Each structure stands twice: as structure tokens, then as C-alpha cells.
Amino acid sequence: MRYAADHVRVSVPATAGNLGPGFDALGMALGVTDEVQVWALGSAAVEIEIEGEGADSLPRDETHLMVRAMRAAADAVGASHTGLRIVARNAIPHGRGLGSSAAAVVAGLAAMRGLIAEPDLLGPEQMLRLATQFEGHPDNAAPAIYGGATAAWQDADGAHAVPLAVASGIETAVLIPQSVLPTRHARAVLPASVPHADAAFNVGRAALLVAALAGAPELLLAATEDRLHQAYRAPFLPAADAMLTHLRERSVAAVVSGAGPSVLVLGRHLGASGFATGPLDWAEGIGDDRWRCVHTAESVPGVAVTRG
């Protein structure tokens, strides 16, 4: 497989996994994006510049998640490895349940798709399967690739996803605290099994959520109830738990975004209801934390790649 370009630009959104009851299955793209440029080099060097999130902590060598994803994509299509220069401007917060690792993986896969001569070999389905090998579950990678809201699953052939209908007027607001919680820690507290009644409860709520998103927003509060993961994580997410309690007591459809500690709100007219983008003055001190909001009124597209 030959390369057809030596420079690509990639834009990839943040994502919220689970959406409450849809554990490891449902997800949605959010209005925060990482912007990356990638050059294929004639040498074997790997050069990485990072601005914004992760600038002080992310590696700048072959161990960077985006580089690893590009190498995996190259192997999948039979392309040779090249040197790389990457310039990343990261806006997606890390360690806050907003899919930053999925975004890095998807950005790497999309960059390789843009560089090779036959990009159809790295279409959305193939990208999702490769991304899930890194992530272990597809609920963040799917909306990062397809945009909007998605339902994803795995079988013997790997990961799959379908877009979900989201009615006009349904908006998102993601509430981001200063505190962080690495996803691996949040997953470690989940039990190996759950009561049958709780599993049945979540199946019903997840199905209801699909219907609510498609055009019944008055059902969003009931549709975002969960018994599989949020209560187990609550002791480790005191800020998110306090915010969820505050909002849901006021009939606001709020869930933990992914593994937390960010909180996702779904509803109508959110910008005029106290969820405008910026610092949340009314939320000062809830959960002994400080909060900011990113409000998105329109469906967010998935990863985009352009040459040159």
C-alpha cells in the first residue's frame, strides 16, 4: 500500500459514553474537538508537539496513543511505517469521561486513512473495529467516528455501530469539574455481576432512551435512569454524584458522562436554562468542586480528515 499524501488535518470530537442506561453501548458526540496535523516523514523520526490538554503529561514518542493507532492502521492495510510529525491542539479534557483516549485513537486511524492511496480500506467500520481493540468497548469510538448519537455492539466479527435518530431541538450540555478520575479506576469498581432485576431495568431504560432521543424529549428524565454503573461509582465520584442529585431532583435529565466525573445533560432549551457555555456560577461548590459547561445545540459531526 503506497501513500498518496504526506500531510493531513484531522478534527475529532469529544464523546459521552453510556448516556446513563446504555452501558458500553450508547454514545454521543459533544461540541469539543481536538485538532491535529500529521506529516509523513522520509526519516524514521517521530516528532510530536502538543498544545492544550495533556501538554505536560502525554508522551512524545512511539508510545503516544495516536502514533500507536497509526501503526496499527498501517499494519491493517499493508502500508509501511514512516516517520511522523504530529502537531496536536487538544481541547478535550483528560480524565473526565469525555472520550479523550478514543479521540486520540480515532484521530490516528483517520490520519492514516487520509495518507494512504486507498482510503476506503479504512472506512468507518474498519476504523471502529481497530479503535475498539484499543478501547475494549465501542461506545466512545462510535460517535467519534460517525458523529451524533450511536448504538454500538460487538460480536465474533468485532465492533459494529449504527447512528441513532436525534430529534431537532434536543441539546446537550456537558458539565466539567476540575476533579479527574482515570477511566481504568472507574471501571475497576464495577461488580462482575449484577442482579437480574437491575439488568432488566436498564434494558428497558436504554430502549426508552432511544425513543426519547428520536422525538419524545419529555421521556428523557425517566429514560436516563441507571442501575448498572453510576451507583457503584458514586463513592469515587463525589462531585458528579452531588451534581446528579442536584439536577435530577429538579427534573433535569442528567447522567455521568462515560466513567465521569463530568456530567451530561440532555434536554431542550438548555442554553436558556442555566447551561450556557462557560463557568457555571450557580454550580459553585456543588460537590465541593468548580464547574464549567459546554453547551451544544446541534448534532456534532464525527471525525473529519483533509489532505494538505
C-alpha atoms as a PDB file:
ATOM      1  CA  MET A   1       0.000   0.000   0.000  1.00  0.00           C
ATOM      2  CA  ARG A   2       1.512   3.337  -1.069  1.00  0.00           C
ATOM      3  CA  TYR A   3       0.990   6.759   0.453  1.00  0.00           C
ATOM      4  CA  ALA A   4      -0.901   9.356  -1.594  1.00  0.00           C
ATOM      5  CA  ALA A   5      -0.327  12.353   0.701  1.00  0.00           C
ATOM      6  CA  ASP A   6       2.286  13.488   3.173  1.00  0.00           C
ATOM      7  CA  HIS A   7       0.154  15.933   5.183  1.00  0.00           C
ATOM      8  CA  VAL A   8      -3.348  15.655   6.640  1.00  0.00           C
ATOM      9  CA  ARG A   9      -5.527  17.631   9.056  1.00  0.00           C
ATOM     10  CA  VAL A  10      -7.850  15.820  11.460  1.00  0.00           C
ATOM     11  CA  SER A  11     -10.683  17.096  13.642  1.00  0.00           C
ATOM     12  CA  VAL A  12     -12.235  14.701  16.170  1.00  0.00           C
ATOM     13  CA  PRO A  13     -14.948  15.348  18.780  1.00  0.00           C
ATOM     14  CA  ALA A  14     -15.234  14.576  22.451  1.00  0.00           C
ATOM     15  CA  THR A  15     -17.824  11.936  23.276  1.00  0.00           C
ATOM     16  CA  ALA A  16     -20.035  10.824  26.140  1.00  0.00           C
ATOM     17  CA  GLY A  17     -20.356   7.083  26.578  1.00  0.00           C
ATOM     18  CA  ASN A  18     -23.227   5.166  28.205  1.00  0.00           C
ATOM     19  CA  LEU A  19     -25.749   8.049  28.247  1.00  0.00           C
ATOM     20  CA  GLY A  20     -26.943   6.614  31.545  1.00  0.00           C
ATOM     21  CA  PRO A  21     -28.527   3.197  30.961  1.00  0.00           C
ATOM     22  CA  GLY A  22     -26.731   2.266  27.718  1.00  0.00           C
ATOM     23  CA  PHE A  23     -23.602   0.942  29.392  1.00  0.00           C
ATOM     24  CA  ASP A  24     -20.784   0.330  26.860  1.00  0.00           C
ATOM     25  CA  ALA A  25     -23.333   0.637  24.029  1.00  0.00           C
ATOM     26  CA  LEU A  26     -24.777   4.145  23.618  1.00  0.00           C
ATOM     27  CA  GLY A  27     -22.754   7.274  22.999  1.00  0.00           C
ATOM     28  CA  MET A  28     -22.946  10.800  21.669  1.00  0.00           C
ATOM     29  CA  ALA A  29     -20.518  13.269  20.099  1.00  0.00           C
ATOM     30  CA  LEU A  30     -20.057  16.537  22.014  1.00  0.00           C
ATOM     31  CA  GLY A  31     -19.120  20.046  20.963  1.00  0.00           C
ATOM     32  CA  VAL A  32     -15.436  19.953  21.965  1.00  0.00           C
ATOM     33  CA  THR A  33     -12.803  18.950  19.395  1.00  0.00           C
ATOM     34  CA  ASP A  34      -9.140  18.110  19.142  1.00  0.00           C
ATOM     35  CA  GLU A  35      -7.378  19.419  16.029  1.00  0.00           C
ATOM     36  CA  VAL A  36      -4.349  17.547  14.714  1.00  0.00           C
ATOM     37  CA  GLN A  37      -1.962  17.887  11.799  1.00  0.00           C
ATOM     38  CA  VAL A  38       0.166  14.939  10.678  1.00  0.00           C
ATOM     39  CA  TRP A  39       3.075  14.831   8.275  1.00  0.00           C
ATOM     40  CA  ALA A  40       4.601  11.586   6.949  1.00  0.00           C
ATOM     41  CA  LEU A  41       8.391  11.953   7.063  1.00  0.00           C
ATOM     42  CA  GLY A  42      11.085  10.409   4.934  1.00  0.00           C
ATOM     43  CA  SER A  43      13.101   9.626   8.069  1.00  0.00           C
ATOM     44  CA  ALA A  44      12.225   7.286  10.932  1.00  0.00           C
ATOM     45  CA  ALA A  45      11.808  10.141  13.402  1.00  0.00           C
ATOM     46  CA  VAL A  46       8.697  10.732  15.488  1.00  0.00           C
ATOM     47  CA  GLU A  47       8.202  14.397  16.347  1.00  0.00           C
ATOM     48  CA  ILE A  48       5.202  15.478  18.432  1.00  0.00           C
ATOM     49  CA  GLU A  49       4.089  18.940  19.504  1.00  0.00           C
ATOM     50  CA  ILE A  50       1.158  19.250  21.902  1.00  0.00           C
ATOM     51  CA  GLU A  51      -0.786  22.335  22.923  1.00  0.00           C
ATOM     52  CA  GLY A  52      -3.621  22.394  25.422  1.00  0.00           C
ATOM     53  CA  GLU A  53      -4.808  19.306  27.270  1.00  0.00           C
ATOM     54  CA  GLY A  54      -2.059  16.806  28.008  1.00  0.00           C
ATOM     55  CA  ALA A  55       0.749  19.151  27.025  1.00  0.00           C
ATOM     56  CA  ASP A  56       2.535  18.461  30.315  1.00  0.00           C
ATOM     57  CA  SER A  57       1.845  14.735  30.555  1.00  0.00           C
ATOM     58  CA  LEU A  58       1.451  12.982  27.205  1.00  0.00           C
ATOM     59  CA  PRO A  59       4.427  11.125  25.662  1.00  0.00           C
ATOM     60  CA  ARG A  60       6.131  12.478  22.567  1.00  0.00           C
ATOM     61  CA  ASP A  61       7.383   9.244  21.065  1.00  0.00           C
ATOM     62  CA  GLU A  62       6.123   5.947  19.636  1.00  0.00           C
ATOM     63  CA  THR A  63       4.137   5.266  22.808  1.00  0.00           C
ATOM     64  CA  HIS A  64       1.726   8.140  22.118  1.00  0.00           C
ATOM     65  CA  LEU A  65      -1.732   6.677  21.575  1.00  0.00           C
ATOM     66  CA  MET A  66      -2.193   8.397  18.237  1.00  0.00           C
ATOM     67  CA  VAL A  67       1.102   7.012  16.923  1.00  0.00           C
ATOM     68  CA  ARG A  68       0.186   3.516  18.101  1.00  0.00           C
ATOM     69  CA  ALA A  69      -3.176   3.792  16.325  1.00  0.00           C
ATOM     70  CA  MET A  70      -1.496   4.931  13.111  1.00  0.00           C
ATOM     71  CA  ARG A  71       0.909   1.992  13.266  1.00  0.00           C
ATOM     72  CA  ALA A  72      -1.986  -0.437  13.794  1.00  0.00           C
ATOM     73  CA  ALA A  73      -3.874   1.099  10.875  1.00  0.00           C
ATOM     74  CA  ALA A  74      -0.810   0.860   8.637  1.00  0.00           C
ATOM     75  CA  ASP A  75      -0.408  -2.813   9.525  1.00  0.00           C
ATOM     76  CA  ALA A  76      -4.107  -3.451   8.837  1.00  0.00           C
ATOM     77  CA  VAL A  77      -3.868  -2.133   5.264  1.00  0.00           C
ATOM     78  CA  GLY A  78      -0.337  -3.306   4.484  1.00  0.00           C
ATOM     79  CA  ALA A  79       1.269   0.142   4.496  1.00  0.00           C
ATOM     80  CA  SER A  80       4.854   0.668   5.575  1.00  0.00           C
ATOM     81  CA  HIS A  81       5.666   2.583   8.723  1.00  0.00           C
ATOM     82  CA  THR A  82       7.025   6.077   8.179  1.00  0.00           C
ATOM     83  CA  GLY A  83       8.430   8.791  10.346  1.00  0.00           C
ATOM     84  CA  LEU A  84       5.785  11.159  11.690  1.00  0.00           C
ATOM     85  CA  ARG A  85       5.454  14.762  12.681  1.00  0.00           C
ATOM     86  CA  ILE A  86       2.320  15.459  14.710  1.00  0.00           C
ATOM     87  CA  VAL A  87       1.064  18.832  15.888  1.00  0.00           C
ATOM     88  CA  ALA A  88      -1.893  18.423  18.244  1.00  0.00           C
ATOM     89  CA  ARG A  89      -4.097  21.142  19.669  1.00  0.00           C
ATOM     90  CA  ASN A  90      -6.062  19.323  22.327  1.00  0.00           C
ATOM     91  CA  ALA A  91      -9.263  20.792  23.727  1.00  0.00           C
ATOM     92  CA  ILE A  92     -10.878  17.586  25.049  1.00  0.00           C
ATOM     93  CA  PRO A  93     -10.281  17.381  28.825  1.00  0.00           C
ATOM     94  CA  HIS A  94      -8.422  14.297  30.011  1.00  0.00           C
ATOM     95  CA  GLY A  95      -9.586  12.042  32.839  1.00  0.00           C
ATOM     96  CA  ARG A  96     -13.105  13.462  32.866  1.00  0.00           C
ATOM     97  CA  GLY A  97     -15.198  10.921  30.968  1.00  0.00           C
ATOM     98  CA  LEU A  98     -15.200  12.773  27.635  1.00  0.00           C
ATOM     99  CA  GLY A  99     -13.545  10.168  25.430  1.00  0.00           C
ATOM    100  CA  SER A 100     -10.095  11.730  25.136  1.00  0.00           C
ATOM    101  CA  SER A 101      -8.397   8.368  24.576  1.00  0.00           C
ATOM    102  CA  ALA A 102     -10.971   7.323  21.966  1.00  0.00           C
ATOM    103  CA  ALA A 103     -10.449  10.664  20.236  1.00  0.00           C
ATOM    104  CA  ALA A 104      -6.684  10.100  20.065  1.00  0.00           C
ATOM    105  CA  VAL A 105      -7.136   6.598  18.633  1.00  0.00           C
ATOM    106  CA  VAL A 106      -9.743   7.697  16.093  1.00  0.00           C
ATOM    107  CA  ALA A 107      -7.598  10.682  15.098  1.00  0.00           C
ATOM    108  CA  GLY A 108      -4.673   8.348  14.419  1.00  0.00           C
ATOM    109  CA  LEU A 109      -6.797   5.978  12.355  1.00  0.00           C
ATOM    110  CA  ALA A 110      -8.324   8.847  10.384  1.00  0.00           C
ATOM    111  CA  ALA A 111      -4.903  10.368   9.763  1.00  0.00           C
ATOM    112  CA  MET A 112      -3.697   7.111   8.249  1.00  0.00           C
ATOM    113  CA  ARG A 113      -6.873   6.929   6.169  1.00  0.00           C
ATOM    114  CA  GLY A 114      -6.054  10.341   4.758  1.00  0.00           C
ATOM    115  CA  LEU A 115      -2.443   9.458   3.969  1.00  0.00           C
ATOM    116  CA  ILE A 116      -2.913   6.201   2.076  1.00  0.00           C
ATOM    117  CA  ALA A 117      -3.829   5.853  -1.596  1.00  0.00           C
ATOM    118  CA  GLU A 118      -6.890   3.665  -0.925  1.00  0.00           C
ATOM    119  CA  PRO A 119      -8.732   5.315   1.986  1.00  0.00           C
ATOM    120  CA  ASP A 120     -11.745   3.026   1.555  1.00  0.00           C
ATOM    121  CA  LEU A 121      -9.642   0.289   3.173  1.00  0.00           C
ATOM    122  CA  LEU A 122     -10.000   2.295   6.400  1.00  0.00           C
ATOM    123  CA  GLY A 123     -13.697   3.093   6.233  1.00  0.00           C
ATOM    124  CA  PRO A 124     -15.832   3.726   9.312  1.00  0.00           C
ATOM    125  CA  GLU A 125     -16.474   0.034  10.057  1.00  0.00           C
ATOM    126  CA  GLN A 126     -12.803  -0.886   9.896  1.00  0.00           C
ATOM    127  CA  MET A 127     -11.846   2.159  11.957  1.00  0.00           C
ATOM    128  CA  LEU A 128     -14.386   1.219  14.621  1.00  0.00           C
ATOM    129  CA  ARG A 129     -13.079  -2.334  14.879  1.00  0.00           C
ATOM    130  CA  LEU A 130      -9.484  -1.159  15.194  1.00  0.00           C
ATOM    131  CA  ALA A 131     -10.422   1.533  17.713  1.00  0.00           C
ATOM    132  CA  THR A 132     -12.321  -0.975  19.842  1.00  0.00           C
ATOM    133  CA  GLN A 133      -9.221  -3.167  20.018  1.00  0.00           C
ATOM    134  CA  PHE A 134      -7.545  -0.249  21.780  1.00  0.00           C
ATOM    135  CA  GLU A 135     -10.533   0.858  23.860  1.00  0.00           C
ATOM    136  CA  GLY A 136     -12.080  -2.507  24.769  1.00  0.00           C
ATOM    137  CA  HIS A 137     -15.590  -1.144  24.168  1.00  0.00           C
ATOM    138  CA  PRO A 138     -17.051   0.862  21.250  1.00  0.00           C
ATOM    139  CA  ASP A 139     -19.378   3.367  22.919  1.00  0.00           C
ATOM    140  CA  ASN A 140     -16.949   6.313  22.660  1.00  0.00           C
ATOM    141  CA  ALA A 141     -15.223   5.400  19.406  1.00  0.00           C
ATOM    142  CA  ALA A 142     -18.533   5.001  17.536  1.00  0.00           C
ATOM    143  CA  PRO A 143     -19.781   8.604  17.949  1.00  0.00           C
ATOM    144  CA  ALA A 144     -16.235   9.910  17.466  1.00  0.00           C
ATOM    145  CA  ILE A 145     -16.308   8.251  14.028  1.00  0.00           C
ATOM    146  CA  TYR A 146     -19.948   8.586  12.984  1.00  0.00           C
ATOM    147  CA  GLY A 147     -20.941  11.726  14.878  1.00  0.00           C
ATOM    148  CA  GLY A 148     -24.318  12.367  16.524  1.00  0.00           C
ATOM    149  CA  ALA A 149     -25.632   9.592  18.753  1.00  0.00           C
ATOM    150  CA  THR A 150     -24.841   5.938  18.142  1.00  0.00           C
ATOM    151  CA  ALA A 151     -25.629   2.448  19.355  1.00  0.00           C
ATOM    152  CA  ALA A 152     -22.707   0.018  19.234  1.00  0.00           C
ATOM    153  CA  TRP A 153     -22.185  -3.666  19.911  1.00  0.00           C
ATOM    154  CA  GLN A 154     -19.622  -6.428  19.486  1.00  0.00           C
ATOM    155  CA  ASP A 155     -19.842  -9.943  18.062  1.00  0.00           C
ATOM    156  CA  ALA A 156     -17.474 -12.527  16.597  1.00  0.00           C
ATOM    157  CA  ASP A 157     -16.690 -10.150  13.712  1.00  0.00           C
ATOM    158  CA  GLY A 158     -15.721  -7.290  16.002  1.00  0.00           C
ATOM    159  CA  ALA A 159     -17.436  -3.996  16.764  1.00  0.00           C
ATOM    160  CA  HIS A 160     -20.372  -2.502  14.892  1.00  0.00           C
ATOM    161  CA  ALA A 161     -22.411   0.693  15.237  1.00  0.00           C
ATOM    162  CA  VAL A 162     -25.479   2.393  13.839  1.00  0.00           C
ATOM    163  CA  PRO A 163     -26.445   6.079  14.062  1.00  0.00           C
ATOM    164  CA  LEU A 164     -29.442   6.922  16.239  1.00  0.00           C
ATOM    165  CA  ALA A 165     -32.098   9.437  15.308  1.00  0.00           C
ATOM    166  CA  VAL A 166     -31.997  12.561  17.458  1.00  0.00           C
ATOM    167  CA  ALA A 167     -34.925  14.918  17.091  1.00  0.00           C
ATOM    168  CA  SER A 168     -34.397  18.577  16.297  1.00  0.00           C
ATOM    169  CA  GLY A 169     -34.356  20.651  19.448  1.00  0.00           C
ATOM    170  CA  ILE A 170     -32.660  18.084  21.712  1.00  0.00           C
ATOM    171  CA  GLU A 171     -29.471  19.656  23.016  1.00  0.00           C
ATOM    172  CA  THR A 172     -26.532  18.604  25.165  1.00  0.00           C
ATOM    173  CA  ALA A 173     -24.682  20.364  27.947  1.00  0.00           C
ATOM    174  CA  VAL A 174     -21.611  18.752  29.447  1.00  0.00           C
ATOM    175  CA  LEU A 175     -20.686  19.959  32.935  1.00  0.00           C
ATOM    176  CA  ILE A 176     -16.963  19.587  33.551  1.00  0.00           C
ATOM    177  CA  PRO A 177     -15.498  19.710  37.078  1.00  0.00           C
ATOM    178  CA  GLN A 178     -11.913  20.414  37.989  1.00  0.00           C
ATOM    179  CA  SER A 179     -11.508  16.957  39.541  1.00  0.00           C
ATOM    180  CA  VAL A 180     -10.381  13.985  37.437  1.00  0.00           C
ATOM    181  CA  LEU A 181     -10.841  10.215  37.534  1.00  0.00           C
ATOM    182  CA  PRO A 182      -8.884   7.896  35.214  1.00  0.00           C
ATOM    183  CA  THR A 183     -11.249   5.535  33.379  1.00  0.00           C
ATOM    184  CA  ARG A 184      -9.335   2.440  34.492  1.00  0.00           C
ATOM    185  CA  HIS A 185     -10.069   3.333  38.120  1.00  0.00           C
ATOM    186  CA  ALA A 186     -13.754   3.911  37.415  1.00  0.00           C
ATOM    187  CA  ARG A 187     -14.109   0.546  35.675  1.00  0.00           C
ATOM    188  CA  ALA A 188     -12.275  -1.299  38.434  1.00  0.00           C
ATOM    189  CA  VAL A 189     -15.037  -0.613  40.975  1.00  0.00           C
ATOM    190  CA  LEU A 190     -17.789  -2.251  38.903  1.00  0.00           C
ATOM    191  CA  PRO A 191     -19.010  -5.682  40.080  1.00  0.00           C
ATOM    192  CA  ALA A 192     -18.534  -8.796  37.953  1.00  0.00           C
ATOM    193  CA  SER A 193     -22.293  -9.495  38.078  1.00  0.00           C
ATOM    194  CA  VAL A 194     -25.462  -7.542  38.826  1.00  0.00           C
ATOM    195  CA  PRO A 195     -28.985  -8.548  39.936  1.00  0.00           C
ATOM    196  CA  HIS A 196     -31.263  -9.726  37.142  1.00  0.00           C
ATOM    197  CA  ALA A 197     -33.797  -7.059  38.070  1.00  0.00           C
ATOM    198  CA  ASP A 198     -31.208  -4.309  37.595  1.00  0.00           C
ATOM    199  CA  ALA A 199     -30.191  -5.688  34.189  1.00  0.00           C
ATOM    200  CA  ALA A 200     -33.844  -5.804  33.121  1.00  0.00           C
ATOM    201  CA  PHE A 201     -34.356  -2.260  34.397  1.00  0.00           C
ATOM    202  CA  ASN A 202     -31.506  -0.945  32.261  1.00  0.00           C
ATOM    203  CA  VAL A 203     -32.645  -2.793  29.142  1.00  0.00           C
ATOM    204  CA  GLY A 204     -35.996  -1.042  29.437  1.00  0.00           C
ATOM    205  CA  ARG A 205     -34.471   2.372  30.116  1.00  0.00           C
ATOM    206  CA  ALA A 206     -31.977   2.069  27.241  1.00  0.00           C
ATOM    207  CA  ALA A 207     -34.792   1.203  24.836  1.00  0.00           C
ATOM    208  CA  LEU A 208     -36.806   4.117  26.186  1.00  0.00           C
ATOM    209  CA  LEU A 209     -33.834   6.438  25.708  1.00  0.00           C
ATOM    210  CA  VAL A 210     -33.644   5.586  22.001  1.00  0.00           C
ATOM    211  CA  ALA A 211     -37.321   6.541  21.686  1.00  0.00           C
ATOM    212  CA  ALA A 212     -36.878   9.696  23.762  1.00  0.00           C
ATOM    213  CA  LEU A 213     -33.959  10.921  21.637  1.00  0.00           C
ATOM    214  CA  ALA A 214     -35.911  10.241  18.451  1.00  0.00           C
ATOM    215  CA  GLY A 215     -38.728  12.580  19.366  1.00  0.00           C
ATOM    216  CA  ALA A 216     -40.097  12.225  22.870  1.00  0.00           C
ATOM    217  CA  PRO A 217     -37.909  14.543  24.984  1.00  0.00           C
ATOM    218  CA  GLU A 218     -40.496  14.568  27.770  1.00  0.00           C
ATOM    219  CA  LEU A 219     -39.342  10.991  28.495  1.00  0.00           C
ATOM    220  CA  LEU A 220     -35.650  11.853  28.872  1.00  0.00           C
ATOM    221  CA  LEU A 221     -35.714  12.041  32.678  1.00  0.00           C
ATOM    222  CA  ALA A 222     -37.090   8.511  33.059  1.00  0.00           C
ATOM    223  CA  ALA A 223     -35.052   7.236  30.113  1.00  0.00           C
ATOM    224  CA  THR A 224     -31.733   8.274  31.684  1.00  0.00           C
ATOM    225  CA  GLU A 225     -32.141   6.262  34.900  1.00  0.00           C
ATOM    226  CA  ASP A 226     -29.435   3.658  35.505  1.00  0.00           C
ATOM    227  CA  ARG A 227     -28.700   0.799  37.892  1.00  0.00           C
ATOM    228  CA  LEU A 228     -25.620  -0.788  36.312  1.00  0.00           C
ATOM    229  CA  HIS A 229     -22.736   1.590  36.929  1.00  0.00           C
ATOM    230  CA  GLN A 230     -23.444   5.046  38.358  1.00  0.00           C
ATOM    231  CA  ALA A 231     -24.345   3.977  41.896  1.00  0.00           C
ATOM    232  CA  TYR A 232     -21.268   1.732  42.113  1.00  0.00           C
ATOM    233  CA  ARG A 233     -19.040   4.605  41.049  1.00  0.00           C
ATOM    234  CA  ALA A 234     -20.720   7.261  43.198  1.00  0.00           C
ATOM    235  CA  PRO A 235     -18.340   6.927  46.205  1.00  0.00           C
ATOM    236  CA  PHE A 236     -15.439   7.679  43.855  1.00  0.00           C
ATOM    237  CA  LEU A 237     -17.269  10.496  42.050  1.00  0.00           C
ATOM    238  CA  PRO A 238     -18.462  12.744  44.887  1.00  0.00           C
ATOM    239  CA  ALA A 239     -18.685  15.858  42.724  1.00  0.00           C
ATOM    240  CA  ALA A 240     -20.575  14.101  39.924  1.00  0.00           C
ATOM    241  CA  ASP A 241     -22.866  12.368  42.404  1.00  0.00           C
ATOM    242  CA  ALA A 242     -23.708  15.669  44.081  1.00  0.00           C
ATOM    243  CA  MET A 243     -24.371  17.319  40.716  1.00  0.00           C
ATOM    244  CA  LEU A 244     -26.567  14.434  39.553  1.00  0.00           C
ATOM    245  CA  THR A 245     -28.605  14.634  42.732  1.00  0.00           C
ATOM    246  CA  HIS A 246     -28.949  18.403  42.414  1.00  0.00           C
ATOM    247  CA  LEU A 247     -30.106  18.238  38.784  1.00  0.00           C
ATOM    248  CA  ARG A 248     -32.336  15.180  38.847  1.00  0.00           C
ATOM    249  CA  GLU A 249     -34.174  16.456  41.930  1.00  0.00           C
ATOM    250  CA  ARG A 250     -35.084  19.392  39.669  1.00  0.00           C
ATOM    251  CA  SER A 251     -36.296  17.063  36.874  1.00  0.00           C
ATOM    252  CA  VAL A 252     -33.232  17.629  34.684  1.00  0.00           C
ATOM    253  CA  ALA A 253     -32.168  14.589  32.630  1.00  0.00           C
ATOM    254  CA  ALA A 254     -28.550  14.280  33.783  1.00  0.00           C
ATOM    255  CA  VAL A 255     -26.146  11.326  33.696  1.00  0.00           C
ATOM    256  CA  VAL A 256     -22.480  10.659  34.357  1.00  0.00           C
ATOM    257  CA  SER A 257     -20.583  11.207  31.110  1.00  0.00           C
ATOM    258  CA  GLY A 258     -18.770   7.954  30.420  1.00  0.00           C
ATOM    259  CA  ALA A 259     -16.818   6.989  33.515  1.00  0.00           C
ATOM    260  CA  GLY A 260     -17.052  10.531  34.902  1.00  0.00           C
ATOM    261  CA  PRO A 261     -16.588  12.824  36.657  1.00  0.00           C
ATOM    262  CA  SER A 262     -18.199  15.085  34.025  1.00  0.00           C
ATOM    263  CA  VAL A 263     -21.990  15.198  33.899  1.00  0.00           C
ATOM    264  CA  LEU A 264     -24.052  15.196  30.703  1.00  0.00           C
ATOM    265  CA  VAL A 265     -27.410  16.932  30.468  1.00  0.00           C
ATOM    266  CA  LEU A 266     -29.908  16.138  27.700  1.00  0.00           C
ATOM    267  CA  GLY A 267     -32.911  18.318  27.006  1.00  0.00           C
ATOM    268  CA  ARG A 268     -34.431  21.290  25.207  1.00  0.00           C
ATOM    269  CA  HIS A 269     -33.640  24.998  25.567  1.00  0.00           C
ATOM    270  CA  LEU A 270     -30.605  24.238  27.719  1.00  0.00           C
ATOM    271  CA  GLY A 271     -28.734  27.415  26.847  1.00  0.00           C
ATOM    272  CA  ALA A 272     -31.567  29.497  28.258  1.00  0.00           C
ATOM    273  CA  SER A 273     -31.960  27.232  31.292  1.00  0.00           C
ATOM    274  CA  GLY A 274     -28.661  27.911  33.014  1.00  0.00           C
ATOM    275  CA  PHE A 275     -26.422  25.718  30.823  1.00  0.00           C
ATOM    276  CA  ALA A 276     -24.727  28.287  28.591  1.00  0.00           C
ATOM    277  CA  THR A 277     -21.111  27.614  27.631  1.00  0.00           C
ATOM    278  CA  GLY A 278     -18.693  28.948  30.229  1.00  0.00           C
ATOM    279  CA  PRO A 279     -18.261  28.903  34.016  1.00  0.00           C
ATOM    280  CA  LEU A 280     -21.350  27.794  35.939  1.00  0.00           C
ATOM    281  CA  ASP A 281     -21.691  30.360  38.697  1.00  0.00           C
ATOM    282  CA  TRP A 282     -24.847  28.713  40.073  1.00  0.00           C
ATOM    283  CA  ALA A 283     -22.942  25.425  40.441  1.00  0.00           C
ATOM    284  CA  GLU A 284     -20.110  26.864  42.535  1.00  0.00           C
ATOM    285  CA  GLY A 285     -19.417  24.497  45.409  1.00  0.00           C
ATOM    286  CA  ILE A 286     -21.709  21.656  44.341  1.00  0.00           C
ATOM    287  CA  GLY A 287     -19.751  18.559  45.266  1.00  0.00           C
ATOM    288  CA  ASP A 288     -17.029  20.871  46.641  1.00  0.00           C
ATOM    289  CA  ASP A 289     -15.910  21.488  43.060  1.00  0.00           C
ATOM    290  CA  ARG A 290     -15.914  24.177  40.393  1.00  0.00           C
ATOM    291  CA  TRP A 291     -17.800  23.565  37.158  1.00  0.00           C
ATOM    292  CA  ARG A 292     -17.784  24.824  33.600  1.00  0.00           C
ATOM    293  CA  CYS A 293     -20.214  23.998  30.815  1.00  0.00           C
ATOM    294  CA  VAL A 294     -20.060  23.265  27.095  1.00  0.00           C
ATOM    295  CA  HIS A 295     -23.491  23.667  25.526  1.00  0.00           C
ATOM    296  CA  THR A 296     -24.196  22.215  22.068  1.00  0.00           C
ATOM    297  CA  ALA A 297     -27.474  22.859  20.281  1.00  0.00           C
ATOM    298  CA  GLU A 298     -26.799  20.956  17.038  1.00  0.00           C
ATOM    299  CA  SER A 299     -25.722  17.424  16.143  1.00  0.00           C
ATOM    300  CA  VAL A 300     -21.926  17.150  16.232  1.00  0.00           C
ATOM    301  CA  PRO A 301     -20.201  15.540  13.212  1.00  0.00           C
ATOM    302  CA  GLY A 302     -17.721  12.728  13.596  1.00  0.00           C
ATOM    303  CA  VAL A 303     -14.037  12.712  12.718  1.00  0.00           C
ATOM    304  CA  ALA A 304     -13.035  14.660   9.616  1.00  0.00           C
ATOM    305  CA  VAL A 305      -9.787  14.395   7.668  1.00  0.00           C
ATOM    306  CA  THR A 306      -8.499  16.555   4.834  1.00  0.00           C
ATOM    307  CA  ARG A 307      -5.312  16.320   2.813  1.00  0.00           C
ATOM    308  CA  GLY A 308      -2.837  19.162   2.554  1.00  0.00           C
END
